[in-house]
């Protein structure tokens, strides 16, 4: 869990470059914050609605899988679109 911010900073430097790195880091931090604020609320709501936390775990797994699929289409840093394999 503590390696994620370090990995994100390194990836942002590769993808956004020096000029936009701080803006990109701020944007990613905002998205993380929204997830951290809404995640417990949604999990609690699902738990109240279903009587179990199992749907919350399924939702978290599904969102993680969607993230993995999206990452499969992420271009390699430093390459132009015509150079992608």
N, C-alpha and C. Protein backbone atom coordinates (compact mmCIF):
# COMPACT_ATOMS: atom_id res chain seq x y z
N UNK A 1 0.82 -1.19 0.00
CA UNK A 1 0.00 0.00 0.00
C UNK A 1 0.87 1.26 0.00
N UNK A 2 1.97 1.25 0.72
CA UNK A 2 2.79 2.47 0.79
C UNK A 2 3.65 2.66 -0.45
N UNK A 3 3.76 1.64 -1.29
CA UNK A 3 4.55 1.78 -2.51
C UNK A 3 3.77 2.48 -3.62
N UNK A 4 2.45 2.50 -3.53
CA UNK A 4 1.64 3.07 -4.60
C UNK A 4 1.97 4.54 -4.87
N UNK A 5 2.07 5.42 -3.86
CA UNK A 5 2.42 6.81 -4.17
C UNK A 5 3.78 6.95 -4.87
N UNK A 6 4.74 6.16 -4.45
CA UNK A 6 6.07 6.22 -5.08
C UNK A 6 6.01 5.76 -6.52
N UNK A 7 5.29 4.68 -6.76
CA UNK A 7 5.15 4.18 -8.13
C UNK A 7 4.41 5.20 -8.99
N UNK A 8 3.38 5.82 -8.44
CA UNK A 8 2.62 6.82 -9.21
C UNK A 8 3.48 8.03 -9.54
N UNK A 9 4.31 8.47 -8.62
CA UNK A 9 5.20 9.61 -8.89
C UNK A 9 6.17 9.27 -10.01
N UNK A 10 6.73 8.08 -9.98
CA UNK A 10 7.65 7.66 -11.04
C UNK A 10 6.94 7.57 -12.39
N UNK A 11 5.74 7.00 -12.39
CA UNK A 11 4.98 6.87 -13.64
C UNK A 11 4.57 8.24 -14.18
N UNK A 12 4.18 9.13 -13.31
CA UNK A 12 3.79 10.48 -13.74
C UNK A 12 4.98 11.18 -14.38
N UNK A 13 6.15 11.02 -13.80
CA UNK A 13 7.35 11.62 -14.39
C UNK A 13 7.62 11.09 -15.78
N UNK A 14 7.37 9.78 -15.99
CA UNK A 14 7.59 9.18 -17.30
C UNK A 14 6.54 9.62 -18.31
N UNK A 15 5.30 9.69 -17.90
CA UNK A 15 4.21 9.97 -18.83
C UNK A 15 3.98 11.46 -19.05
N UNK A 16 4.04 12.26 -18.01
CA UNK A 16 3.69 13.67 -18.14
C UNK A 16 4.91 14.57 -18.40
N UNK A 17 6.08 14.12 -18.02
CA UNK A 17 7.26 14.95 -18.18
C UNK A 17 7.41 15.93 -17.03
N UNK A 18 8.55 16.61 -17.01
CA UNK A 18 8.83 17.52 -15.90
C UNK A 18 7.87 18.69 -15.83
N UNK A 19 7.49 19.23 -16.97
CA UNK A 19 6.66 20.44 -16.97
C UNK A 19 5.27 20.19 -16.39
N UNK A 20 4.71 19.02 -16.61
CA UNK A 20 3.34 18.74 -16.17
C UNK A 20 3.26 17.78 -14.99
N UNK A 21 4.39 17.37 -14.46
CA UNK A 21 4.40 16.35 -13.40
C UNK A 21 3.62 16.81 -12.16
N UNK A 22 3.81 18.04 -11.73
CA UNK A 22 3.13 18.48 -10.51
C UNK A 22 1.62 18.57 -10.73
N UNK A 23 1.18 19.03 -11.89
CA UNK A 23 -0.25 19.09 -12.18
C UNK A 23 -0.85 17.68 -12.25
N UNK A 24 -0.15 16.77 -12.89
CA UNK A 24 -0.64 15.39 -13.00
C UNK A 24 -0.70 14.73 -11.63
N UNK A 25 0.30 14.98 -10.79
CA UNK A 25 0.29 14.41 -9.44
C UNK A 25 -0.88 14.96 -8.63
N UNK A 26 -1.16 16.25 -8.78
CA UNK A 26 -2.32 16.84 -8.10
C UNK A 26 -3.62 16.21 -8.55
N UNK A 27 -3.75 15.97 -9.86
CA UNK A 27 -4.96 15.36 -10.38
C UNK A 27 -5.13 13.94 -9.85
N UNK A 28 -4.06 13.17 -9.86
CA UNK A 28 -4.14 11.78 -9.37
C UNK A 28 -4.44 11.77 -7.87
N UNK A 29 -3.88 12.71 -7.13
CA UNK A 29 -4.17 12.80 -5.70
C UNK A 29 -5.64 13.13 -5.47
N UNK A 30 -6.20 13.99 -6.31
CA UNK A 30 -7.62 14.32 -6.22
C UNK A 30 -8.48 13.07 -6.45
N UNK A 31 -8.14 12.30 -7.48
CA UNK A 31 -8.90 11.09 -7.78
C UNK A 31 -8.77 10.08 -6.63
N UNK A 32 -7.56 9.90 -6.08
CA UNK A 32 -7.38 9.02 -4.92
C UNK A 32 -8.24 9.50 -3.75
N UNK A 33 -8.25 10.80 -3.51
CA UNK A 33 -9.03 11.36 -2.40
C UNK A 33 -10.52 11.11 -2.56
N UNK A 34 -11.03 11.26 -3.78
CA UNK A 34 -12.45 10.99 -4.02
C UNK A 34 -12.75 9.53 -3.72
N UNK A 35 -11.89 8.63 -4.19
CA UNK A 35 -12.09 7.21 -3.91
C UNK A 35 -12.04 6.90 -2.43
N UNK A 36 -11.12 7.53 -1.72
CA UNK A 36 -11.00 7.27 -0.28
C UNK A 36 -12.17 7.86 0.50
N UNK A 37 -12.77 8.92 -0.01
CA UNK A 37 -13.92 9.50 0.66
C UNK A 37 -15.20 8.73 0.37
N UNK A 38 -15.37 8.31 -0.88
CA UNK A 38 -16.61 7.63 -1.26
C UNK A 38 -16.59 6.13 -0.98
N UNK A 39 -15.41 5.50 -0.98
CA UNK A 39 -15.31 4.06 -0.80
C UNK A 39 -15.98 3.55 0.46
N UNK A 40 -15.65 4.09 1.62
CA UNK A 40 -16.30 3.60 2.85
C UNK A 40 -17.81 3.84 2.87
N UNK A 41 -18.24 4.96 2.30
CA UNK A 41 -19.66 5.26 2.26
C UNK A 41 -20.40 4.24 1.39
N UNK A 42 -19.86 3.96 0.21
CA UNK A 42 -20.48 2.99 -0.69
C UNK A 42 -20.45 1.60 -0.06
N UNK A 43 -19.34 1.22 0.55
CA UNK A 43 -19.25 -0.10 1.19
C UNK A 43 -20.26 -0.21 2.33
N UNK A 44 -20.42 0.83 3.12
CA UNK A 44 -21.40 0.81 4.20
C UNK A 44 -22.82 0.74 3.67
N UNK A 45 -23.10 1.48 2.61
CA UNK A 45 -24.43 1.45 2.01
C UNK A 45 -24.74 0.05 1.47
N UNK A 46 -23.77 -0.55 0.76
CA UNK A 46 -23.97 -1.91 0.26
C UNK A 46 -24.16 -2.91 1.40
N UNK A 47 -23.41 -2.72 2.46
CA UNK A 47 -23.53 -3.62 3.62
C UNK A 47 -24.91 -3.49 4.26
N UNK A 48 -25.40 -2.27 4.39
CA UNK A 48 -26.74 -2.07 4.96
C UNK A 48 -27.82 -2.65 4.04
N UNK A 49 -27.63 -2.49 2.73
CA UNK A 49 -28.65 -2.94 1.77
C UNK A 49 -28.69 -4.46 1.65
N UNK A 50 -27.53 -5.10 1.79
CA UNK A 50 -27.48 -6.55 1.56
C UNK A 50 -27.27 -7.36 2.84
N UNK A 51 -26.84 -6.72 3.92
CA UNK A 51 -26.56 -7.43 5.16
C UNK A 51 -25.21 -8.12 5.18
N UNK A 52 -24.35 -7.79 4.22
CA UNK A 52 -23.04 -8.43 4.12
C UNK A 52 -22.06 -7.48 3.43
N UNK A 53 -20.79 -7.66 3.72
CA UNK A 53 -19.76 -6.88 3.03
C UNK A 53 -19.29 -7.55 1.75
N UNK A 54 -19.78 -8.73 1.44
CA UNK A 54 -19.34 -9.46 0.24
C UNK A 54 -19.56 -8.64 -1.03
N UNK A 55 -20.73 -7.98 -1.23
CA UNK A 55 -20.88 -7.16 -2.44
C UNK A 55 -19.84 -6.03 -2.54
N UNK A 56 -19.42 -5.50 -1.40
CA UNK A 56 -18.38 -4.46 -1.40
C UNK A 56 -17.06 -5.02 -1.91
N UNK A 57 -16.75 -6.24 -1.50
CA UNK A 57 -15.52 -6.87 -1.99
C UNK A 57 -15.60 -7.15 -3.48
N UNK A 58 -16.78 -7.59 -3.94
CA UNK A 58 -16.96 -7.81 -5.39
C UNK A 58 -16.83 -6.50 -6.16
N UNK A 59 -17.39 -5.44 -5.62
CA UNK A 59 -17.29 -4.13 -6.28
C UNK A 59 -15.83 -3.67 -6.35
N UNK A 60 -15.11 -3.82 -5.25
CA UNK A 60 -13.69 -3.44 -5.24
C UNK A 60 -12.90 -4.27 -6.24
N UNK A 61 -13.20 -5.56 -6.32
CA UNK A 61 -12.52 -6.44 -7.28
C UNK A 61 -12.84 -6.02 -8.71
N UNK A 62 -14.10 -5.71 -8.96
CA UNK A 62 -14.51 -5.30 -10.30
C UNK A 62 -13.86 -4.00 -10.73
N UNK A 63 -13.80 -3.04 -9.82
CA UNK A 63 -13.15 -1.76 -10.14
C UNK A 63 -11.66 -1.98 -10.40
N UNK A 64 -11.04 -2.85 -9.62
CA UNK A 64 -9.64 -3.19 -9.85
C UNK A 64 -9.42 -3.84 -11.21
N UNK A 65 -10.32 -4.74 -11.59
CA UNK A 65 -10.21 -5.39 -12.90
C UNK A 65 -10.39 -4.40 -14.03
N UNK A 66 -11.32 -3.46 -13.87
CA UNK A 66 -11.51 -2.42 -14.89
C UNK A 66 -10.24 -1.60 -15.03
N UNK A 67 -9.60 -1.29 -13.90
CA UNK A 67 -8.33 -0.57 -13.95
C UNK A 67 -7.26 -1.33 -14.69
N UNK A 68 -7.19 -2.63 -14.49
CA UNK A 68 -6.21 -3.45 -15.18
C UNK A 68 -6.47 -3.44 -16.68
N UNK A 69 -7.73 -3.56 -17.08
CA UNK A 69 -8.06 -3.54 -18.51
C UNK A 69 -7.69 -2.19 -19.12
N UNK A 70 -7.98 -1.11 -18.42
CA UNK A 70 -7.63 0.21 -18.93
C UNK A 70 -6.11 0.34 -19.08
N UNK A 71 -5.36 -0.18 -18.12
CA UNK A 71 -3.91 -0.10 -18.18
C UNK A 71 -3.33 -0.88 -19.35
N UNK A 72 -4.03 -1.90 -19.82
CA UNK A 72 -3.54 -2.65 -20.98
C UNK A 72 -3.49 -1.78 -22.23
N UNK A 73 -4.29 -0.73 -22.28
CA UNK A 73 -4.33 0.16 -23.44
C UNK A 73 -3.49 1.42 -23.25
N UNK A 74 -2.80 1.53 -22.14
CA UNK A 74 -1.97 2.70 -21.87
C UNK A 74 -0.73 2.65 -22.75
N UNK A 75 -0.44 3.74 -23.41
CA UNK A 75 0.72 3.76 -24.30
C UNK A 75 2.01 3.76 -23.49
N UNK A 76 3.07 3.32 -24.12
CA UNK A 76 4.37 3.31 -23.45
C UNK A 76 4.89 4.73 -23.37
N UNK A 77 5.52 5.11 -22.26
CA UNK A 77 5.99 6.50 -22.13
C UNK A 77 7.11 6.79 -23.14
N UNK A 78 7.06 7.98 -23.69
CA UNK A 78 8.12 8.44 -24.58
C UNK A 78 7.97 8.02 -26.03
N UNK A 79 6.94 7.23 -26.35
CA UNK A 79 6.73 6.81 -27.72
C UNK A 79 5.59 7.58 -28.35
N UNK A 80 5.72 7.86 -29.64
CA UNK A 80 4.63 8.48 -30.38
C UNK A 80 3.61 7.39 -30.70
N UNK A 81 2.39 7.79 -31.01
CA UNK A 81 1.35 6.81 -31.30
C UNK A 81 1.71 5.93 -32.49
N UNK A 82 2.44 6.47 -33.46
CA UNK A 82 2.81 5.68 -34.64
C UNK A 82 3.88 4.63 -34.32
N UNK A 83 4.58 4.73 -33.18
CA UNK A 83 5.63 3.81 -32.80
C UNK A 83 5.14 2.70 -31.89
N UNK A 84 3.87 2.71 -31.51
CA UNK A 84 3.34 1.70 -30.60
C UNK A 84 3.33 0.33 -31.27
N UNK A 85 3.56 -0.71 -30.49
CA UNK A 85 3.55 -2.08 -31.01
C UNK A 85 2.27 -2.76 -30.60
